[in-house]
């Protein structure tokens, strides 16, 4: 799932690959959070099998990798791996939202 990018919004880049168990667990959660935060934060789920060049340019070495970039498109947060819990991904969105005063969204609740 790739969302249309809105200019001047922070962005969460989720790098995954088919055949990666942790990626398979993370991807549905990232898709849910993408919908929840879409008014305030862009989310892009990038399959490194399809876009290896972009993954290389972002310095992705292990999967899954989550990179939070600010509205100026500067990387601010990098997390590698997934433990099956939403806490780490929620932290990325929360930290990015802290810099966005023009947008308000309720906290994400995993279902």
PDB file of N, CA and C in Angstrom:
ATOM      1  N   UNK A   1       0.860  -1.176   0.000  1.00  0.00           N
ATOM      2  CA  UNK A   1       0.000   0.000   0.000  1.00  0.00           C
ATOM      3  C   UNK A   1       0.895   1.224   0.000  1.00  0.00           C
ATOM      4  N   UNK A   2       0.709   2.070  -0.947  1.00  0.00           N
ATOM      5  CA  UNK A   2       1.456   3.312  -1.024  1.00  0.00           C
ATOM      6  C   UNK A   2       0.452   4.448  -1.044  1.00  0.00           C
ATOM      7  N   UNK A   3       0.600   5.360  -0.140  1.00  0.00           N
ATOM      8  CA  UNK A   3      -0.290   6.505  -0.050  1.00  0.00           C
ATOM      9  C   UNK A   3       0.241   7.642  -0.909  1.00  0.00           C
ATOM     10  N   UNK A   4      -0.653   8.450  -1.398  1.00  0.00           N
ATOM     11  CA  UNK A   4      -0.253   9.643  -2.128  1.00  0.00           C
ATOM     12  C   UNK A   4       0.442  10.583  -1.159  1.00  0.00           C
ATOM     13  N   UNK A   5       1.581  11.086  -1.543  1.00  0.00           N
ATOM     14  CA  UNK A   5       2.358  11.961  -0.676  1.00  0.00           C
ATOM     15  C   UNK A   5       1.814  13.375  -0.705  1.00  0.00           C
ATOM     16  N   UNK A   6       1.613  13.931   0.465  1.00  0.00           N
ATOM     17  CA  UNK A   6       1.209  15.320   0.596  1.00  0.00           C
ATOM     18  C   UNK A   6       2.447  16.130   0.934  1.00  0.00           C
ATOM     19  N   UNK A   7       2.681  17.167   0.182  1.00  0.00           N
ATOM     20  CA  UNK A   7       3.854  18.006   0.388  1.00  0.00           C
ATOM     21  C   UNK A   7       3.811  18.628   1.775  1.00  0.00           C
ATOM     22  N   UNK A   8       4.976  18.803   2.358  1.00  0.00           N
ATOM     23  CA  UNK A   8       5.135  19.456   3.655  1.00  0.00           C
ATOM     24  C   UNK A   8       4.532  18.687   4.817  1.00  0.00           C
ATOM     25  N   UNK A   9       4.427  17.386   4.698  1.00  0.00           N
ATOM     26  CA  UNK A   9       4.020  16.552   5.823  1.00  0.00           C
ATOM     27  C   UNK A   9       5.176  15.629   6.170  1.00  0.00           C
ATOM     28  N   UNK A  10       5.293  15.287   7.454  1.00  0.00           N
ATOM     29  CA  UNK A  10       6.267  14.255   7.805  1.00  0.00           C
ATOM     30  C   UNK A  10       5.885  12.954   7.104  1.00  0.00           C
ATOM     31  N   UNK A  11       6.831  12.034   7.072  1.00  0.00           N
ATOM     32  CA  UNK A  11       6.585  10.785   6.368  1.00  0.00           C
ATOM     33  C   UNK A  11       7.221   9.628   7.133  1.00  0.00           C
ATOM     34  N   UNK A  12       6.527   8.505   7.147  1.00  0.00           N
ATOM     35  CA  UNK A  12       7.067   7.275   7.700  1.00  0.00           C
ATOM     36  C   UNK A  12       7.345   6.344   6.532  1.00  0.00           C
ATOM     37  N   UNK A  13       8.596   5.923   6.425  1.00  0.00           N
ATOM     38  CA  UNK A  13       9.012   5.004   5.376  1.00  0.00           C
ATOM     39  C   UNK A  13       9.193   3.634   6.019  1.00  0.00           C
ATOM     40  N   UNK A  14       8.454   2.655   5.547  1.00  0.00           N
ATOM     41  CA  UNK A  14       8.505   1.302   6.099  1.00  0.00           C
ATOM     42  C   UNK A  14       9.096   0.404   5.026  1.00  0.00           C
ATOM     43  N   UNK A  15      10.314  -0.069   5.246  1.00  0.00           N
ATOM     44  CA  UNK A  15      11.000  -0.912   4.278  1.00  0.00           C
ATOM     45  C   UNK A  15      10.791  -2.378   4.643  1.00  0.00           C
ATOM     46  N   UNK A  16      10.242  -3.137   3.708  1.00  0.00           N
ATOM     47  CA  UNK A  16       9.930  -4.549   3.910  1.00  0.00           C
ATOM     48  C   UNK A  16      10.390  -5.354   2.697  1.00  0.00           C
ATOM     49  N   UNK A  17      10.311  -6.688   2.828  1.00  0.00           N
ATOM     50  CA  UNK A  17      10.667  -7.574   1.734  1.00  0.00           C
ATOM     51  C   UNK A  17       9.842  -8.848   1.854  1.00  0.00           C
ATOM     52  N   UNK A  18       9.418  -9.386   0.727  1.00  0.00           N
ATOM     53  CA  UNK A  18       8.683 -10.644   0.768  1.00  0.00           C
ATOM     54  C   UNK A  18       9.607 -11.733   1.296  1.00  0.00           C
ATOM     55  N   UNK A  19       9.047 -12.657   2.043  1.00  0.00           N
ATOM     56  CA  UNK A  19       9.836 -13.729   2.634  1.00  0.00           C
ATOM     57  C   UNK A  19      10.438 -13.379   3.983  1.00  0.00           C
ATOM     58  N   UNK A  20      10.252 -12.165   4.440  1.00  0.00           N
ATOM     59  CA  UNK A  20      10.763 -11.702   5.738  1.00  0.00           C
ATOM     60  C   UNK A  20       9.612 -11.809   6.739  1.00  0.00           C
ATOM     61  N   UNK A  21       9.735 -12.706   7.716  1.00  0.00           N
ATOM     62  CA  UNK A  21       8.648 -12.943   8.674  1.00  0.00           C
ATOM     63  C   UNK A  21       8.298 -11.686   9.469  1.00  0.00           C
ATOM     64  N   UNK A  22       9.299 -10.993   9.959  1.00  0.00           N
ATOM     65  CA  UNK A  22       9.041  -9.773  10.737  1.00  0.00           C
ATOM     66  C   UNK A  22       8.371  -8.707   9.870  1.00  0.00           C
ATOM     67  N   UNK A  23       8.761  -8.645   8.594  1.00  0.00           N
ATOM     68  CA  UNK A  23       8.141  -7.695   7.660  1.00  0.00           C
ATOM     69  C   UNK A  23       6.671  -8.033   7.466  1.00  0.00           C
ATOM     70  N   UNK A  24       6.379  -9.320   7.345  1.00  0.00           N
ATOM     71  CA  UNK A  24       4.989  -9.767   7.161  1.00  0.00           C
ATOM     72  C   UNK A  24       4.121  -9.419   8.357  1.00  0.00           C
ATOM     73  N   UNK A  25       4.699  -9.428   9.547  1.00  0.00           N
ATOM     74  CA  UNK A  25       3.963  -9.033  10.753  1.00  0.00           C
ATOM     75  C   UNK A  25       3.769  -7.524  10.813  1.00  0.00           C
ATOM     76  N   UNK A  26       4.777  -6.785  10.413  1.00  0.00           N
ATOM     77  CA  UNK A  26       4.748  -5.326  10.515  1.00  0.00           C
ATOM     78  C   UNK A  26       3.855  -4.677   9.467  1.00  0.00           C
ATOM     79  N   UNK A  27       3.826  -5.217   8.273  1.00  0.00           N
ATOM     80  CA  UNK A  27       3.128  -4.571   7.153  1.00  0.00           C
ATOM     81  C   UNK A  27       1.651  -4.282   7.439  1.00  0.00           C
ATOM     82  N   UNK A  28       0.841  -5.236   7.963  1.00  0.00           N
ATOM     83  CA  UNK A  28      -0.566  -4.910   8.237  1.00  0.00           C
ATOM     84  C   UNK A  28      -0.727  -3.807   9.288  1.00  0.00           C
ATOM     85  N   UNK A  29       0.144  -3.806  10.279  1.00  0.00           N
ATOM     86  CA  UNK A  29       0.095  -2.758  11.301  1.00  0.00           C
ATOM     87  C   UNK A  29       0.428  -1.410  10.678  1.00  0.00           C
ATOM     88  N   UNK A  30       1.439  -1.376   9.825  1.00  0.00           N
ATOM     89  CA  UNK A  30       1.804  -0.126   9.152  1.00  0.00           C
ATOM     90  C   UNK A  30       0.663   0.368   8.268  1.00  0.00           C
ATOM     91  N   UNK A  31      -0.043  -0.552   7.632  1.00  0.00           N
ATOM     92  CA  UNK A  31      -1.185  -0.168   6.796  1.00  0.00           C
ATOM     93  C   UNK A  31      -2.304   0.430   7.648  1.00  0.00           C
ATOM     94  N   UNK A  32      -2.580  -0.163   8.808  1.00  0.00           N
ATOM     95  CA  UNK A  32      -3.604   0.390   9.716  1.00  0.00           C
ATOM     96  C   UNK A  32      -3.212   1.780  10.192  1.00  0.00           C
ATOM     97  N   UNK A  33      -1.957   1.928  10.569  1.00  0.00           N
ATOM     98  CA  UNK A  33      -1.501   3.224  11.072  1.00  0.00           C
ATOM     99  C   UNK A  33      -1.477   4.261   9.959  1.00  0.00           C
ATOM    100  N   UNK A  34      -1.184   3.836   8.749  1.00  0.00           N
ATOM    101  CA  UNK A  34      -1.204   4.736   7.599  1.00  0.00           C
ATOM    102  C   UNK A  34      -2.575   5.384   7.450  1.00  0.00           C
ATOM    103  N   UNK A  35      -3.619   4.584   7.568  1.00  0.00           N
ATOM    104  CA  UNK A  35      -4.988   5.096   7.454  1.00  0.00           C
ATOM    105  C   UNK A  35      -5.304   6.010   8.637  1.00  0.00           C
ATOM    106  N   UNK A  36      -4.923   5.594   9.842  1.00  0.00           N
ATOM    107  CA  UNK A  36      -5.234   6.369  11.046  1.00  0.00           C
ATOM    108  C   UNK A  36      -4.586   7.761  11.017  1.00  0.00           C
ATOM    109  N   UNK A  37      -3.343   7.833  10.577  1.00  0.00           N
ATOM    110  CA  UNK A  37      -2.592   9.095  10.622  1.00  0.00           C
ATOM    111  C   UNK A  37      -2.547   9.839   9.286  1.00  0.00           C
ATOM    112  N   UNK A  38      -3.323   9.410   8.295  1.00  0.00           N
ATOM    113  CA  UNK A  38      -3.188   9.954   6.942  1.00  0.00           C
ATOM    114  C   UNK A  38      -3.375  11.463   6.837  1.00  0.00           C
ATOM    115  N   UNK A  39      -4.134  12.080   7.734  1.00  0.00           N
ATOM    116  CA  UNK A  39      -4.317  13.537   7.692  1.00  0.00           C
ATOM    117  C   UNK A  39      -3.056  14.299   8.072  1.00  0.00           C
ATOM    118  N   UNK A  40      -2.168  13.648   8.828  1.00  0.00           N
ATOM    119  CA  UNK A  40      -1.024  14.355   9.402  1.00  0.00           C
ATOM    120  C   UNK A  40       0.333  13.848   8.943  1.00  0.00           C
ATOM    121  N   UNK A  41       0.400  12.573   8.602  1.00  0.00           N
ATOM    122  CA  UNK A  41       1.679  11.959   8.265  1.00  0.00           C
ATOM    123  C   UNK A  41       1.489  11.048   7.056  1.00  0.00           C
ATOM    124  N   UNK A  42       2.353  11.195   6.065  1.00  0.00           N
ATOM    125  CA  UNK A  42       2.353  10.288   4.919  1.00  0.00           C
ATOM    126  C   UNK A  42       3.041   8.991   5.332  1.00  0.00           C
ATOM    127  N   UNK A  43       2.571   7.888   4.818  1.00  0.00           N
ATOM    128  CA  UNK A  43       3.211   6.599   5.059  1.00  0.00           C
ATOM    129  C   UNK A  43       3.481   5.939   3.719  1.00  0.00           C
ATOM    130  N   UNK A  44       4.700   5.470   3.566  1.00  0.00           N
ATOM    131  CA  UNK A  44       5.056   4.726   2.353  1.00  0.00           C
ATOM    132  C   UNK A  44       5.617   3.380   2.776  1.00  0.00           C
ATOM    133  N   UNK A  45       5.032   2.326   2.246  1.00  0.00           N
ATOM    134  CA  UNK A  45       5.536   0.981   2.481  1.00  0.00           C
ATOM    135  C   UNK A  45       6.315   0.591   1.236  1.00  0.00           C
ATOM    136  N   UNK A  46       7.604   0.386   1.417  1.00  0.00           N
ATOM    137  CA  UNK A  46       8.494   0.165   0.285  1.00  0.00           C
ATOM    138  C   UNK A  46       8.999  -1.276   0.308  1.00  0.00           C
ATOM    139  N   UNK A  47       8.730  -2.001  -0.754  1.00  0.00           N
ATOM    140  CA  UNK A  47       9.242  -3.361  -0.909  1.00  0.00           C
ATOM    141  C   UNK A  47      10.639  -3.238  -1.510  1.00  0.00           C
ATOM    142  N   UNK A  48      11.653  -3.663  -0.767  1.00  0.00           N
ATOM    143  CA  UNK A  48      13.028  -3.489  -1.248  1.00  0.00           C
ATOM    144  C   UNK A  48      13.331  -4.361  -2.467  1.00  0.00           C
ATOM    145  N   UNK A  49      12.538  -5.403  -2.703  1.00  0.00           N
ATOM    146  CA  UNK A  49      12.704  -6.191  -3.924  1.00  0.00           C
ATOM    147  C   UNK A  49      12.332  -5.364  -5.146  1.00  0.00           C
ATOM    148  N   UNK A  50      11.420  -4.417  -4.975  1.00  0.00           N
ATOM    149  CA  UNK A  50      10.942  -3.581  -6.065  1.00  0.00           C
ATOM    150  C   UNK A  50      11.758  -2.295  -6.174  1.00  0.00           C
ATOM    151  N   UNK A  51      12.145  -1.718  -5.039  1.00  0.00           N
ATOM    152  CA  UNK A  51      12.843  -0.435  -5.036  1.00  0.00           C
ATOM    153  C   UNK A  51      14.117  -0.503  -4.199  1.00  0.00           C
ATOM    154  N   UNK A  52      15.027  -1.382  -4.608  1.00  0.00           N
ATOM    155  CA  UNK A  52      16.288  -1.563  -3.888  1.00  0.00           C
ATOM    156  C   UNK A  52      17.149  -0.300  -3.915  1.00  0.00           C
ATOM    157  N   UNK A  53      17.061   0.448  -4.990  1.00  0.00           N
ATOM    158  CA  UNK A  53      17.865   1.662  -5.117  1.00  0.00           C
ATOM    159  C   UNK A  53      17.496   2.690  -4.040  1.00  0.00           C
ATOM    160  N   UNK A  54      16.190   2.861  -3.812  1.00  0.00           N
ATOM    161  CA  UNK A  54      15.754   3.805  -2.778  1.00  0.00           C
ATOM    162  C   UNK A  54      16.176   3.305  -1.398  1.00  0.00           C
ATOM    163  N   UNK A  55      16.044   2.009  -1.148  1.00  0.00           N
ATOM    164  CA  UNK A  55      16.460   1.433   0.136  1.00  0.00           C
ATOM    165  C   UNK A  55      17.956   1.678   0.356  1.00  0.00           C
ATOM    166  N   UNK A  56      18.744   1.469  -0.679  1.00  0.00           N
ATOM    167  CA  UNK A  56      20.187   1.732  -0.572  1.00  0.00           C
ATOM    168  C   UNK A  56      20.461   3.206  -0.280  1.00  0.00           C
ATOM    169  N   UNK A  57      19.749   4.086  -0.981  1.00  0.00           N
ATOM    170  CA  UNK A  57      19.943   5.531  -0.783  1.00  0.00           C
ATOM    171  C   UNK A  57      19.595   5.952   0.646  1.00  0.00           C
ATOM    172  N   UNK A  58      18.654   5.237   1.270  1.00  0.00           N
ATOM    173  CA  UNK A  58      18.257   5.553   2.642  1.00  0.00           C
ATOM    174  C   UNK A  58      19.091   4.798   3.676  1.00  0.00           C
ATOM    175  N   UNK A  59      20.049   4.022   3.225  1.00  0.00           N
ATOM    176  CA  UNK A  59      20.946   3.324   4.140  1.00  0.00           C
ATOM    177  C   UNK A  59      20.323   2.116   4.823  1.00  0.00           C
ATOM    178  N   UNK A  60      19.338   1.507   4.196  1.00  0.00           N
ATOM    179  CA  UNK A  60      18.677   0.341   4.774  1.00  0.00           C
ATOM    180  C   UNK A  60      19.583  -0.874   4.605  1.00  0.00           C
ATOM    181  N   UNK A  61      19.920  -1.507   5.746  1.00  0.00           N
ATOM    182  CA  UNK A  61      20.785  -2.682   5.724  1.00  0.00           C
ATOM    183  C   UNK A  61      20.099  -3.913   6.296  1.00  0.00           C
ATOM    184  N   UNK A  62      19.119  -3.716   7.176  1.00  0.00           N
ATOM    185  CA  UNK A  62      18.383  -4.819   7.786  1.00  0.00           C
ATOM    186  C   UNK A  62      16.892  -4.549   7.638  1.00  0.00           C
ATOM    187  N   UNK A  63      16.115  -5.625   7.680  1.00  0.00           N
ATOM    188  CA  UNK A  63      14.669  -5.485   7.509  1.00  0.00           C
ATOM    189  C   UNK A  63      13.919  -6.123   8.666  1.00  0.00           C
ATOM    190  N   UNK A  64      12.761  -5.588   8.975  1.00  0.00           N
ATOM    191  CA  UNK A  64      12.214  -4.333   8.455  1.00  0.00           C
ATOM    192  C   UNK A  64      12.936  -3.125   9.057  1.00  0.00           C
ATOM    193  N   UNK A  65      12.930  -2.050   8.313  1.00  0.00           N
ATOM    194  CA  UNK A  65      13.472  -0.777   8.788  1.00  0.00           C
ATOM    195  C   UNK A  65      12.390   0.277   8.638  1.00  0.00           C
ATOM    196  N   UNK A  66      12.250   1.098   9.677  1.00  0.00           N
ATOM    197  CA  UNK A  66      11.276   2.189   9.685  1.00  0.00           C
ATOM    198  C   UNK A  66      12.064   3.483   9.823  1.00  0.00           C
ATOM    199  N   UNK A  67      11.825   4.413   8.923  1.00  0.00           N
ATOM    200  CA  UNK A  67      12.496   5.712   8.988  1.00  0.00           C
ATOM    201  C   UNK A  67      11.429   6.794   9.023  1.00  0.00           C
ATOM    202  N   UNK A  68      11.497   7.652  10.024  1.00  0.00           N
ATOM    203  CA  UNK A  68      10.603   8.797  10.123  1.00  0.00           C
ATOM    204  C   UNK A  68      11.331  10.036   9.650  1.00  0.00           C
ATOM    205  N   UNK A  69      10.736  10.729   8.679  1.00  0.00           N
ATOM    206  CA  UNK A  69      11.344  11.950   8.168  1.00  0.00           C
ATOM    207  C   UNK A  69      10.422  13.135   8.447  1.00  0.00           C
ATOM    208  N   UNK A  70      11.015  14.273   8.738  1.00  0.00           N
ATOM    209  CA  UNK A  70      10.215  15.463   9.045  1.00  0.00           C
ATOM    210  C   UNK A  70       9.665  16.085   7.768  1.00  0.00           C
ATOM    211  N   UNK A  71       8.945  17.183   7.908  1.00  0.00           N
ATOM    212  CA  UNK A  71       8.318  17.840   6.754  1.00  0.00           C
ATOM    213  C   UNK A  71       9.344  18.339   5.750  1.00  0.00           C
ATOM    214  N   UNK A  72      10.563  18.599   6.205  1.00  0.00           N
ATOM    215  CA  UNK A  72      11.640  19.026   5.312  1.00  0.00           C
ATOM    216  C   UNK A  72      12.330  17.825   4.661  1.00  0.00           C
ATOM    217  N   UNK A  73      11.773  16.629   4.901  1.00  0.00           N
ATOM    218  CA  UNK A  73      12.266  15.368   4.334  1.00  0.00           C
ATOM    219  C   UNK A  73      13.648  14.977   4.835  1.00  0.00           C
ATOM    220  N   UNK A  74      13.945  15.372   6.079  1.00  0.00           N
ATOM    221  CA  UNK A  74      15.189  14.990   6.733  1.00  0.00           C
ATOM    222  C   UNK A  74      14.913  13.828   7.689  1.00  0.00           C
ATOM    223  N   UNK A  75      15.666  12.722   7.586  1.00  0.00           N
ATOM    224  CA  UNK A  75      15.451  11.598   8.505  1.00  0.00           C
ATOM    225  C   UNK A  75      15.628  12.028   9.961  1.00  0.00           C
ATOM    226  N   UNK A  76      14.679  11.643  10.808  1.00  0.00           N
ATOM    227  CA  UNK A  76      14.702  11.997  12.219  1.00  0.00           C
ATOM    228  C   UNK A  76      14.773  10.777  13.131  1.00  0.00           C
ATOM    229  N   UNK A  77      14.169   9.682  12.698  1.00  0.00           N
ATOM    230  CA  UNK A  77      14.032   8.493  13.528  1.00  0.00           C
ATOM    231  C   UNK A  77      14.315   7.275  12.653  1.00  0.00           C
ATOM    232  N   UNK A  78      15.043   6.315  13.211  1.00  0.00           N
ATOM    233  CA  UNK A  78      15.299   5.066  12.481  1.00  0.00           C
ATOM    234  C   UNK A  78      15.144   3.921  13.468  1.00  0.00           C
ATOM    235  N   UNK A  79      14.324   2.963  13.094  1.00  0.00           N
ATOM    236  CA  UNK A  79      14.140   1.768  13.912  1.00  0.00           C
ATOM    237  C   UNK A  79      14.276   0.540  13.026  1.00  0.00           C
ATOM    238  N   UNK A  80      14.976  -0.451  13.535  1.00  0.00           N
ATOM    239  CA  UNK A  80      15.207  -1.675  12.780  1.00  0.00           C
ATOM    240  C   UNK A  80      14.603  -2.842  13.545  1.00  0.00           C
ATOM    241  N   UNK A  81      13.901  -3.708  12.815  1.00  0.00           N
ATOM    242  CA  UNK A  81      13.301  -4.893  13.417  1.00  0.00           C
ATOM    243  C   UNK A  81      11.867  -4.653  13.849  1.00  0.00           C
ATOM    244  N   UNK A  82      11.216  -5.743  14.209  1.00  0.00           N
ATOM    245  CA  UNK A  82       9.835  -5.671  14.681  1.00  0.00           C
ATOM    246  C   UNK A  82       9.634  -6.781  15.693  1.00  0.00           C
ATOM    247  N   UNK A  83       9.103  -6.414  16.847  1.00  0.00           N
ATOM    248  CA  UNK A  83       8.925  -7.389  17.926  1.00  0.00           C
ATOM    249  C   UNK A  83       7.493  -7.898  18.038  1.00  0.00           C
ATOM    250  N   UNK A  84       6.656  -7.589  17.046  1.00  0.00           N
ATOM    251  CA  UNK A  84       5.275  -8.055  17.070  1.00  0.00           C
ATOM    252  C   UNK A  84       4.328  -7.148  17.831  1.00  0.00           C
ATOM    253  N   UNK A  85       4.833  -6.084  18.423  1.00  0.00           N
ATOM    254  CA  UNK A  85       4.012  -5.139  19.171  1.00  0.00           C
ATOM    255  C   UNK A  85       3.995  -3.798  18.441  1.00  0.00           C
ATOM    256  N   UNK A  86       2.912  -3.053  18.579  1.00  0.00           N
ATOM    257  CA  UNK A  86       2.814  -1.777  17.851  1.00  0.00           C
ATOM    258  C   UNK A  86       3.601  -0.630  18.482  1.00  0.00           C
ATOM    259  N   UNK A  87       4.131  -0.814  19.691  1.00  0.00           N
ATOM    260  CA  UNK A  87       4.732   0.288  20.447  1.00  0.00           C
ATOM    261  C   UNK A  87       5.816   1.055  19.700  1.00  0.00           C
ATOM    262  N   UNK A  88       6.702   0.355  19.025  1.00  0.00           N
ATOM    263  CA  UNK A  88       7.812   1.036  18.350  1.00  0.00           C
ATOM    264  C   UNK A  88       7.311   1.875  17.181  1.00  0.00           C
ATOM    265  N   UNK A  89       6.380   1.335  16.416  1.00  0.00           N
ATOM    266  CA  UNK A  89       5.840   2.087  15.285  1.00  0.00           C
ATOM    267  C   UNK A  89       5.011   3.271  15.784  1.00  0.00           C
ATOM    268  N   UNK A  90       4.253   3.074  16.840  1.00  0.00           N
ATOM    269  CA  UNK A  90       3.494   4.173  17.449  1.00  0.00           C
ATOM    270  C   UNK A  90       4.445   5.281  17.890  1.00  0.00           C
ATOM    271  N   UNK A  91       5.599   4.901  18.444  1.00  0.00           N
ATOM    272  CA  UNK A  91       6.582   5.892  18.881  1.00  0.00           C
ATOM    273  C   UNK A  91       7.074   6.739  17.710  1.00  0.00           C
ATOM    274  N   UNK A  92       7.291   6.121  16.557  1.00  0.00           N
ATOM    275  CA  UNK A  92       7.741   6.868  15.379  1.00  0.00           C
ATOM    276  C   UNK A  92       6.694   7.922  15.011  1.00  0.00           C
ATOM    277  N   UNK A  93       5.430   7.502  14.916  1.00  0.00           N
ATOM    278  CA  UNK A  93       4.368   8.451  14.569  1.00  0.00           C
ATOM    279  C   UNK A  93       4.236   9.539  15.632  1.00  0.00           C
ATOM    280  N   UNK A  94       4.299   9.170  16.899  1.00  0.00           N
ATOM    281  CA  UNK A  94       4.154  10.148  17.984  1.00  0.00           C
ATOM    282  C   UNK A  94       5.272  11.182  17.946  1.00  0.00           C
ATOM    283  N   UNK A  95       6.492  10.733  17.733  1.00  0.00           N
ATOM    284  CA  UNK A  95       7.614  11.666  17.683  1.00  0.00           C
ATOM    285  C   UNK A  95       7.507  12.604  16.485  1.00  0.00           C
ATOM    286  N   UNK A  96       7.055  12.090  15.357  1.00  0.00           N
ATOM    287  CA  UNK A  96       6.880  12.960  14.189  1.00  0.00           C
ATOM    288  C   UNK A  96       5.739  13.946  14.408  1.00  0.00           C
ATOM    289  N   UNK A  97       4.658  13.482  15.045  1.00  0.00           N
ATOM    290  CA  UNK A  97       3.516  14.366  15.308  1.00  0.00           C
ATOM    291  C   UNK A  97       3.879  15.495  16.267  1.00  0.00           C
ATOM    292  N   UNK A  98       4.836  15.258  17.142  1.00  0.00           N
ATOM    293  CA  UNK A  98       5.244  16.287  18.103  1.00  0.00           C
ATOM    294  C   UNK A  98       5.722  17.546  17.392  1.00  0.00           C
ATOM    295  N   UNK A  99       6.218  17.404  16.161  1.00  0.00           N
ATOM    296  CA  UNK A  99       6.685  18.552  15.407  1.00  0.00           C
ATOM    297  C   UNK A  99       5.640  19.155  14.485  1.00  0.00           C
ATOM    298  N   UNK A 100       4.411  18.625  14.532  1.00  0.00           N
ATOM    299  CA  UNK A 100       3.348  19.109  13.646  1.00  0.00           C
ATOM    300  C   UNK A 100       2.264  19.761  14.497  1.00  0.00           C
ATOM    301  N   UNK A 101       2.316  21.065  14.584  1.00  0.00           N
ATOM    302  CA  UNK A 101       1.345  21.764  15.425  1.00  0.00           C
ATOM    303  C   UNK A 101       0.016  21.981  14.722  1.00  0.00           C
ATOM    304  N   UNK A 102       0.007  21.853  13.409  1.00  0.00           N
ATOM    305  CA  UNK A 102      -1.225  22.143  12.641  1.00  0.00           C
ATOM    306  C   UNK A 102      -2.144  20.946  12.497  1.00  0.00           C
ATOM    307  N   UNK A 103      -1.797  19.811  13.084  1.00  0.00           N
ATOM    308  CA  UNK A 103      -2.608  18.616  12.896  1.00  0.00           C
ATOM    309  C   UNK A 103      -2.837  17.900  14.228  1.00  0.00           C
ATOM    310  N   UNK A 104      -4.051  17.523  14.433  1.00  0.00           N
ATOM    311  CA  UNK A 104      -4.411  16.814  15.654  1.00  0.00           C
ATOM    312  C   UNK A 104      -5.059  15.491  15.277  1.00  0.00           C
ATOM    313  N   UNK A 105      -4.605  14.420  15.900  1.00  0.00           N
ATOM    314  CA  UNK A 105      -5.167  13.108  15.646  1.00  0.00           C
ATOM    315  C   UNK A 105      -5.138  12.323  16.954  1.00  0.00           C
ATOM    316  N   UNK A 106      -6.151  11.513  17.158  1.00  0.00           N
ATOM    317  CA  UNK A 106      -6.224  10.725  18.386  1.00  0.00           C
ATOM    318  C   UNK A 106      -5.138   9.660  18.378  1.00  0.00           C
ATOM    319  N   UNK A 107      -4.712   9.213  19.560  1.00  0.00           N
ATOM    320  CA  UNK A 107      -3.698   8.155  19.620  1.00  0.00           C
ATOM    321  C   UNK A 107      -4.183   6.877  18.941  1.00  0.00           C
ATOM    322  N   UNK A 108      -3.278   6.163  18.334  1.00  0.00           N
ATOM    323  CA  UNK A 108      -3.599   4.910  17.659  1.00  0.00           C
ATOM    324  C   UNK A 108      -3.845   3.834  18.700  1.00  0.00           C
ATOM    325  N   UNK A 109      -4.884   3.059  18.478  1.00  0.00           N
ATOM    326  CA  UNK A 109      -5.171   1.911  19.350  1.00  0.00           C
ATOM    327  C   UNK A 109      -5.185   0.677  18.481  1.00  0.00           C
ATOM    328  N   UNK A 110      -4.289  -0.259  18.790  1.00  0.00           N
ATOM    329  CA  UNK A 110      -4.195  -1.505  18.027  1.00  0.00           C
ATOM    330  C   UNK A 110      -5.455  -2.334  18.286  1.00  0.00           C
ATOM    331  N   UNK A 111      -6.029  -2.875  17.223  1.00  0.00           N
ATOM    332  CA  UNK A 111      -7.236  -3.693  17.368  1.00  0.00           C
ATOM    333  C   UNK A 111      -6.918  -5.157  17.277  1.00  0.00           C
TER     334      UNK A 111
END
